[in-house]
């Protein structure tokens, strides 16, 4: 599975609309400003607040979603190996039992796993 090399600020993130420390609304982590939400004439205040909340929830849920994705990849890998064993009598892509060819369902399972691992 690919790993991210870019470091991100871990959660929890929080909004600060007090403007005590900045002329704009901000998103903070442990008191440190990590994002500034500039005032815009095209966005109403409620919309800015909703957008800020969406950003925060996305960041705060990142680790949970990543862990669930990794768990799903492990389950899918086990399922793919089981499907190949049942349908082909093989565990690898070059099974002598099938002359190196897997049935369609094995290829679907393998493709799904590859797609998940590429993320």
N, C-alpha and C. Protein backbone atom coordinates (compact mmCIF):
# COMPACT_ATOMS: atom_id res chain seq x y z
N UNK A 1 0.84 -1.17 0.00
CA UNK A 1 0.00 0.00 0.00
C UNK A 1 0.89 1.24 0.00
N UNK A 2 0.52 2.23 -0.76
CA UNK A 2 1.27 3.48 -0.79
C UNK A 2 1.15 4.17 0.56
N UNK A 3 2.20 4.86 0.94
CA UNK A 3 2.15 5.64 2.18
C UNK A 3 2.37 7.10 1.85
N UNK A 4 1.73 7.95 2.63
CA UNK A 4 1.88 9.39 2.43
C UNK A 4 3.23 9.81 2.99
N UNK A 5 3.98 10.59 2.21
CA UNK A 5 5.24 11.12 2.69
C UNK A 5 5.07 12.54 3.21
N UNK A 6 3.95 13.16 2.90
CA UNK A 6 3.67 14.51 3.37
C UNK A 6 3.16 14.44 4.80
N UNK A 7 3.77 15.22 5.65
CA UNK A 7 3.33 15.27 7.04
C UNK A 7 2.15 16.23 7.13
N UNK A 8 1.18 15.87 7.93
CA UNK A 8 0.03 16.72 8.16
C UNK A 8 -0.09 16.98 9.65
N UNK A 9 -0.75 18.05 9.98
CA UNK A 9 -0.99 18.36 11.38
C UNK A 9 -2.06 17.41 11.89
N UNK A 10 -1.76 16.63 12.93
CA UNK A 10 -2.75 15.69 13.44
C UNK A 10 -3.89 16.43 14.14
N UNK A 11 -5.00 15.75 14.31
CA UNK A 11 -6.12 16.33 15.04
C UNK A 11 -5.81 16.31 16.52
N UNK A 12 -6.63 16.87 17.34
CA UNK A 12 -7.86 17.55 16.93
C UNK A 12 -7.62 18.99 16.48
N UNK A 13 -8.39 19.40 15.51
CA UNK A 13 -8.40 20.78 15.06
C UNK A 13 -9.63 21.46 15.63
N UNK A 14 -9.56 22.78 15.73
CA UNK A 14 -10.71 23.53 16.26
C UNK A 14 -10.80 24.89 15.58
N UNK A 15 -12.00 25.43 15.55
CA UNK A 15 -12.18 26.76 14.97
C UNK A 15 -11.98 27.81 16.05
N UNK A 16 -11.59 28.99 15.61
CA UNK A 16 -11.49 30.14 16.50
C UNK A 16 -12.07 31.33 15.74
N UNK A 17 -13.28 31.69 16.10
CA UNK A 17 -13.96 32.82 15.45
C UNK A 17 -13.90 34.08 16.30
N UNK A 18 -13.07 34.08 17.35
CA UNK A 18 -13.01 35.24 18.25
C UNK A 18 -12.27 36.42 17.63
N UNK A 19 -11.36 36.14 16.72
CA UNK A 19 -10.50 37.14 16.10
C UNK A 19 -9.64 37.88 17.14
N UNK A 20 -9.36 37.21 18.25
CA UNK A 20 -8.48 37.77 19.27
C UNK A 20 -7.02 37.74 18.84
N UNK A 21 -6.67 36.79 17.98
CA UNK A 21 -5.27 36.60 17.62
C UNK A 21 -4.99 36.82 16.14
N UNK A 22 -6.04 37.04 15.36
CA UNK A 22 -5.90 37.22 13.93
C UNK A 22 -7.07 38.05 13.45
N UNK A 23 -6.89 38.76 12.35
CA UNK A 23 -7.98 39.59 11.80
C UNK A 23 -9.06 38.74 11.14
N UNK A 24 -8.79 37.47 10.95
CA UNK A 24 -9.74 36.56 10.30
C UNK A 24 -10.08 35.40 11.23
N UNK A 25 -11.13 34.68 10.87
CA UNK A 25 -11.44 33.42 11.55
C UNK A 25 -10.32 32.44 11.21
N UNK A 26 -10.00 31.56 12.15
CA UNK A 26 -8.89 30.64 11.94
C UNK A 26 -9.25 29.23 12.39
N UNK A 27 -8.44 28.29 11.93
CA UNK A 27 -8.48 26.92 12.43
C UNK A 27 -7.17 26.72 13.17
N UNK A 28 -7.26 26.12 14.37
CA UNK A 28 -6.09 25.98 15.23
C UNK A 28 -5.88 24.52 15.65
N UNK A 29 -4.64 24.24 16.01
CA UNK A 29 -4.28 22.97 16.62
C UNK A 29 -3.39 23.29 17.81
N UNK A 30 -3.83 22.91 18.99
CA UNK A 30 -3.10 23.21 20.23
C UNK A 30 -2.73 24.69 20.32
N UNK A 31 -3.64 25.54 19.92
CA UNK A 31 -3.43 26.98 20.01
C UNK A 31 -2.67 27.60 18.85
N UNK A 32 -2.12 26.78 17.97
CA UNK A 32 -1.34 27.27 16.84
C UNK A 32 -2.25 27.37 15.61
N UNK A 33 -2.22 28.52 14.94
CA UNK A 33 -3.04 28.72 13.74
C UNK A 33 -2.48 27.86 12.62
N UNK A 34 -3.34 27.02 12.04
CA UNK A 34 -2.90 26.18 10.92
C UNK A 34 -3.62 26.55 9.63
N UNK A 35 -4.69 27.34 9.73
CA UNK A 35 -5.39 27.79 8.53
C UNK A 35 -6.14 29.08 8.85
N UNK A 36 -6.13 29.99 7.90
CA UNK A 36 -6.85 31.25 8.02
C UNK A 36 -8.05 31.21 7.08
N UNK A 37 -9.20 31.62 7.58
CA UNK A 37 -10.43 31.63 6.80
C UNK A 37 -10.78 33.08 6.48
N UNK A 38 -10.29 33.57 5.35
CA UNK A 38 -10.52 34.99 5.04
C UNK A 38 -11.99 35.30 4.83
N UNK A 39 -12.34 36.51 5.16
CA UNK A 39 -13.70 36.98 4.93
C UNK A 39 -13.90 37.16 3.44
N UNK A 40 -15.06 36.75 2.97
CA UNK A 40 -15.35 36.84 1.54
C UNK A 40 -16.74 37.44 1.37
N UNK A 41 -16.88 38.31 0.39
CA UNK A 41 -18.19 38.89 0.14
C UNK A 41 -19.13 37.88 -0.51
N UNK A 42 -18.55 36.78 -1.03
CA UNK A 42 -19.40 35.78 -1.69
C UNK A 42 -19.85 34.68 -0.73
N UNK A 43 -19.28 34.63 0.46
CA UNK A 43 -19.68 33.63 1.44
C UNK A 43 -20.28 34.30 2.66
N UNK A 44 -21.46 33.90 3.00
CA UNK A 44 -22.10 34.43 4.20
C UNK A 44 -21.42 33.84 5.42
N UNK A 45 -21.59 34.50 6.56
CA UNK A 45 -20.94 34.06 7.79
C UNK A 45 -21.31 32.61 8.13
N UNK A 46 -22.56 32.25 8.04
CA UNK A 46 -22.99 30.88 8.34
C UNK A 46 -22.33 29.86 7.43
N UNK A 47 -22.16 30.24 6.17
CA UNK A 47 -21.51 29.34 5.21
C UNK A 47 -20.03 29.18 5.55
N UNK A 48 -19.36 30.26 5.96
CA UNK A 48 -17.96 30.17 6.38
C UNK A 48 -17.82 29.24 7.58
N UNK A 49 -18.74 29.37 8.54
CA UNK A 49 -18.71 28.51 9.72
C UNK A 49 -18.92 27.05 9.33
N UNK A 50 -19.86 26.82 8.43
CA UNK A 50 -20.13 25.45 7.99
C UNK A 50 -18.92 24.87 7.25
N UNK A 51 -18.29 25.68 6.40
CA UNK A 51 -17.10 25.22 5.68
C UNK A 51 -15.96 24.91 6.66
N UNK A 52 -15.78 25.77 7.64
CA UNK A 52 -14.74 25.55 8.65
C UNK A 52 -15.01 24.25 9.41
N UNK A 53 -16.24 24.03 9.77
CA UNK A 53 -16.59 22.81 10.50
C UNK A 53 -16.33 21.57 9.64
N UNK A 54 -16.63 21.67 8.35
CA UNK A 54 -16.38 20.55 7.43
C UNK A 54 -14.88 20.24 7.35
N UNK A 55 -14.06 21.28 7.27
CA UNK A 55 -12.61 21.10 7.22
C UNK A 55 -12.12 20.42 8.49
N UNK A 56 -12.60 20.88 9.62
CA UNK A 56 -12.18 20.32 10.90
C UNK A 56 -12.59 18.87 11.04
N UNK A 57 -13.83 18.56 10.71
CA UNK A 57 -14.30 17.18 10.82
C UNK A 57 -13.52 16.26 9.89
N UNK A 58 -13.19 16.74 8.70
CA UNK A 58 -12.39 15.93 7.77
C UNK A 58 -11.03 15.62 8.36
N UNK A 59 -10.38 16.62 8.91
CA UNK A 59 -9.06 16.42 9.50
C UNK A 59 -9.13 15.52 10.72
N UNK A 60 -10.13 15.73 11.55
CA UNK A 60 -10.24 14.96 12.78
C UNK A 60 -10.61 13.49 12.51
N UNK A 61 -11.22 13.21 11.38
CA UNK A 61 -11.61 11.84 11.04
C UNK A 61 -10.58 11.13 10.17
N UNK A 62 -9.54 11.83 9.74
CA UNK A 62 -8.56 11.28 8.80
C UNK A 62 -7.94 9.98 9.33
N UNK A 63 -7.44 9.99 10.54
CA UNK A 63 -6.76 8.81 11.08
C UNK A 63 -7.72 7.63 11.20
N UNK A 64 -8.95 7.89 11.62
CA UNK A 64 -9.95 6.81 11.74
C UNK A 64 -10.24 6.20 10.38
N UNK A 65 -10.43 7.04 9.38
CA UNK A 65 -10.74 6.54 8.04
C UNK A 65 -9.54 5.77 7.47
N UNK A 66 -8.35 6.27 7.70
CA UNK A 66 -7.14 5.59 7.21
C UNK A 66 -7.02 4.21 7.86
N UNK A 67 -7.26 4.12 9.15
CA UNK A 67 -7.19 2.83 9.85
C UNK A 67 -8.25 1.86 9.31
N UNK A 68 -9.46 2.37 9.06
CA UNK A 68 -10.51 1.52 8.52
C UNK A 68 -10.16 1.04 7.11
N UNK A 69 -9.54 1.91 6.30
CA UNK A 69 -9.11 1.52 4.96
C UNK A 69 -8.07 0.42 5.03
N UNK A 70 -7.12 0.54 5.94
CA UNK A 70 -6.09 -0.48 6.09
C UNK A 70 -6.69 -1.81 6.54
N UNK A 71 -7.65 -1.73 7.45
CA UNK A 71 -8.33 -2.94 7.91
C UNK A 71 -9.11 -3.59 6.77
N UNK A 72 -9.78 -2.79 5.97
CA UNK A 72 -10.51 -3.31 4.82
C UNK A 72 -9.57 -3.96 3.82
N UNK A 73 -8.40 -3.38 3.60
CA UNK A 73 -7.43 -3.96 2.69
C UNK A 73 -6.99 -5.34 3.18
N UNK A 74 -6.77 -5.49 4.48
CA UNK A 74 -6.37 -6.78 5.03
C UNK A 74 -7.47 -7.82 4.86
N UNK A 75 -8.71 -7.42 5.11
CA UNK A 75 -9.85 -8.33 4.94
C UNK A 75 -9.99 -8.72 3.47
N UNK A 76 -9.87 -7.74 2.59
CA UNK A 76 -10.01 -8.01 1.16
C UNK A 76 -8.89 -8.92 0.65
N UNK A 77 -7.69 -8.74 1.18
CA UNK A 77 -6.58 -9.61 0.78
C UNK A 77 -6.87 -11.06 1.19
N UNK A 78 -7.34 -11.24 2.41
CA UNK A 78 -7.70 -12.58 2.87
C UNK A 78 -8.81 -13.17 2.02
N UNK A 79 -9.82 -12.35 1.69
CA UNK A 79 -10.93 -12.81 0.86
C UNK A 79 -10.43 -13.20 -0.53
N UNK A 80 -9.54 -12.38 -1.10
CA UNK A 80 -9.01 -12.66 -2.43
C UNK A 80 -8.25 -13.98 -2.43
N UNK A 81 -7.42 -14.20 -1.41
CA UNK A 81 -6.66 -15.45 -1.33
C UNK A 81 -7.59 -16.65 -1.16
N UNK A 82 -8.65 -16.47 -0.36
CA UNK A 82 -9.62 -17.55 -0.15
C UNK A 82 -10.37 -17.86 -1.43
N UNK A 83 -10.78 -16.83 -2.13
CA UNK A 83 -11.49 -17.03 -3.41
C UNK A 83 -10.61 -17.78 -4.39
N UNK A 84 -9.35 -17.39 -4.50
CA UNK A 84 -8.44 -18.09 -5.41
C UNK A 84 -8.24 -19.54 -4.99
N UNK A 85 -8.13 -19.78 -3.69
CA UNK A 85 -7.93 -21.14 -3.21
C UNK A 85 -9.15 -22.00 -3.54
N UNK A 86 -10.34 -21.47 -3.31
CA UNK A 86 -11.57 -22.23 -3.55
C UNK A 86 -11.80 -22.44 -5.04
N UNK A 87 -11.67 -21.37 -5.83
CA UNK A 87 -11.99 -21.46 -7.25
C UNK A 87 -10.87 -22.05 -8.09
N UNK A 88 -9.64 -21.79 -7.71
CA UNK A 88 -8.52 -22.21 -8.56
C UNK A 88 -7.65 -23.28 -7.92
N UNK A 89 -7.82 -23.48 -6.62
CA UNK A 89 -6.92 -24.39 -5.94
C UNK A 89 -5.53 -23.81 -5.85
N UNK A 90 -5.45 -22.48 -5.81
CA UNK A 90 -4.15 -21.80 -5.83
C UNK A 90 -4.18 -20.61 -4.89
N UNK A 91 -2.98 -20.18 -4.52
CA UNK A 91 -2.88 -18.97 -3.70
C UNK A 91 -2.13 -17.86 -4.41
N UNK A 92 -1.48 -18.16 -5.50
CA UNK A 92 -0.70 -17.15 -6.20
C UNK A 92 -1.17 -16.94 -7.61
N UNK A 93 -0.64 -15.92 -8.29
CA UNK A 93 -1.09 -15.60 -9.64
C UNK A 93 -0.62 -16.59 -10.70
N UNK A 94 0.36 -17.43 -10.39
CA UNK A 94 0.90 -18.36 -11.39
C UNK A 94 0.68 -19.81 -10.95
N UNK A 95 -0.53 -20.13 -10.63
CA UNK A 95 -0.85 -21.48 -10.16
C UNK A 95 -0.64 -22.51 -11.26
N UNK A 96 0.06 -23.58 -10.91
CA UNK A 96 0.24 -24.67 -11.87
C UNK A 96 -1.07 -25.40 -12.09
N UNK A 97 -1.95 -25.37 -11.06
CA UNK A 97 -3.24 -26.05 -11.19
C UNK A 97 -4.11 -25.45 -12.29
N UNK A 98 -3.97 -24.16 -12.52
CA UNK A 98 -4.80 -23.48 -13.51
C UNK A 98 -3.98 -23.04 -14.72
N UNK A 99 -2.75 -23.49 -14.82
CA UNK A 99 -1.92 -23.09 -15.95
C UNK A 99 -1.64 -21.60 -15.96
N UNK A 100 -1.60 -20.98 -14.78
CA UNK A 100 -1.33 -19.54 -14.69
C UNK A 100 -2.55 -18.67 -14.95
N UNK A 101 -3.72 -19.28 -15.11
CA UNK A 101 -4.94 -18.50 -15.38
C UNK A 101 -5.90 -18.64 -14.22
N UNK A 102 -6.41 -17.52 -13.78
CA UNK A 102 -7.41 -17.53 -12.71
C UNK A 102 -8.78 -17.30 -13.32
N UNK A 103 -9.77 -17.78 -12.63
CA UNK A 103 -11.13 -17.55 -13.09
C UNK A 103 -11.50 -16.10 -12.89
N UNK A 104 -12.55 -15.67 -13.52
CA UNK A 104 -12.96 -14.27 -13.52
C UNK A 104 -13.13 -13.72 -12.10
N UNK A 105 -13.73 -14.49 -11.21
CA UNK A 105 -13.97 -13.98 -9.86
C UNK A 105 -12.66 -13.70 -9.13
N UNK A 106 -11.63 -14.50 -9.38
CA UNK A 106 -10.33 -14.25 -8.76
C UNK A 106 -9.73 -12.93 -9.27
N UNK A 107 -9.87 -12.71 -10.55
CA UNK A 107 -9.34 -11.47 -11.14
C UNK A 107 -10.08 -10.25 -10.62
N UNK A 108 -11.38 -10.37 -10.41
CA UNK A 108 -12.16 -9.25 -9.85
C UNK A 108 -11.68 -8.95 -8.44
N UNK A 109 -11.51 -9.99 -7.63
CA UNK A 109 -11.04 -9.80 -6.26
C UNK A 109 -9.65 -9.17 -6.24
N UNK A 110 -8.76 -9.65 -7.12
CA UNK A 110 -7.41 -9.11 -7.17
C UNK A 110 -7.42 -7.65 -7.61
N UNK A 111 -8.26 -7.31 -8.57
CA UNK A 111 -8.35 -5.93 -9.06
C UNK A 111 -8.88 -5.00 -7.97
N UNK A 112 -9.85 -5.47 -7.21
CA UNK A 112 -10.40 -4.65 -6.12
C UNK A 112 -9.33 -4.39 -5.07
N UNK A 113 -8.55 -5.39 -4.75
CA UNK A 113 -7.48 -5.22 -3.77
C UNK A 113 -6.42 -4.25 -4.29
N UNK A 114 -6.04 -4.38 -5.54
CA UNK A 114 -5.03 -3.49 -6.12
C UNK A 114 -5.52 -2.04 -6.11
N UNK A 115 -6.80 -1.85 -6.40
CA UNK A 115 -7.36 -0.49 -6.40
C UNK A 115 -7.33 0.12 -5.00
N UNK A 116 -7.67 -0.67 -4.00
CA UNK A 116 -7.66 -0.19 -2.63
C UNK A 116 -6.23 0.10 -2.17
N UNK A 117 -5.29 -0.75 -2.53
CA UNK A 117 -3.90 -0.54 -2.10
C UNK A 117 -3.25 0.65 -2.80
N UNK A 118 -3.77 1.05 -3.97
CA UNK A 118 -3.21 2.18 -4.69
C UNK A 118 -3.58 3.51 -4.05
N UNK A 119 -4.53 3.55 -3.17
CA UNK A 119 -5.00 4.80 -2.55
C UNK A 119 -4.08 5.22 -1.43
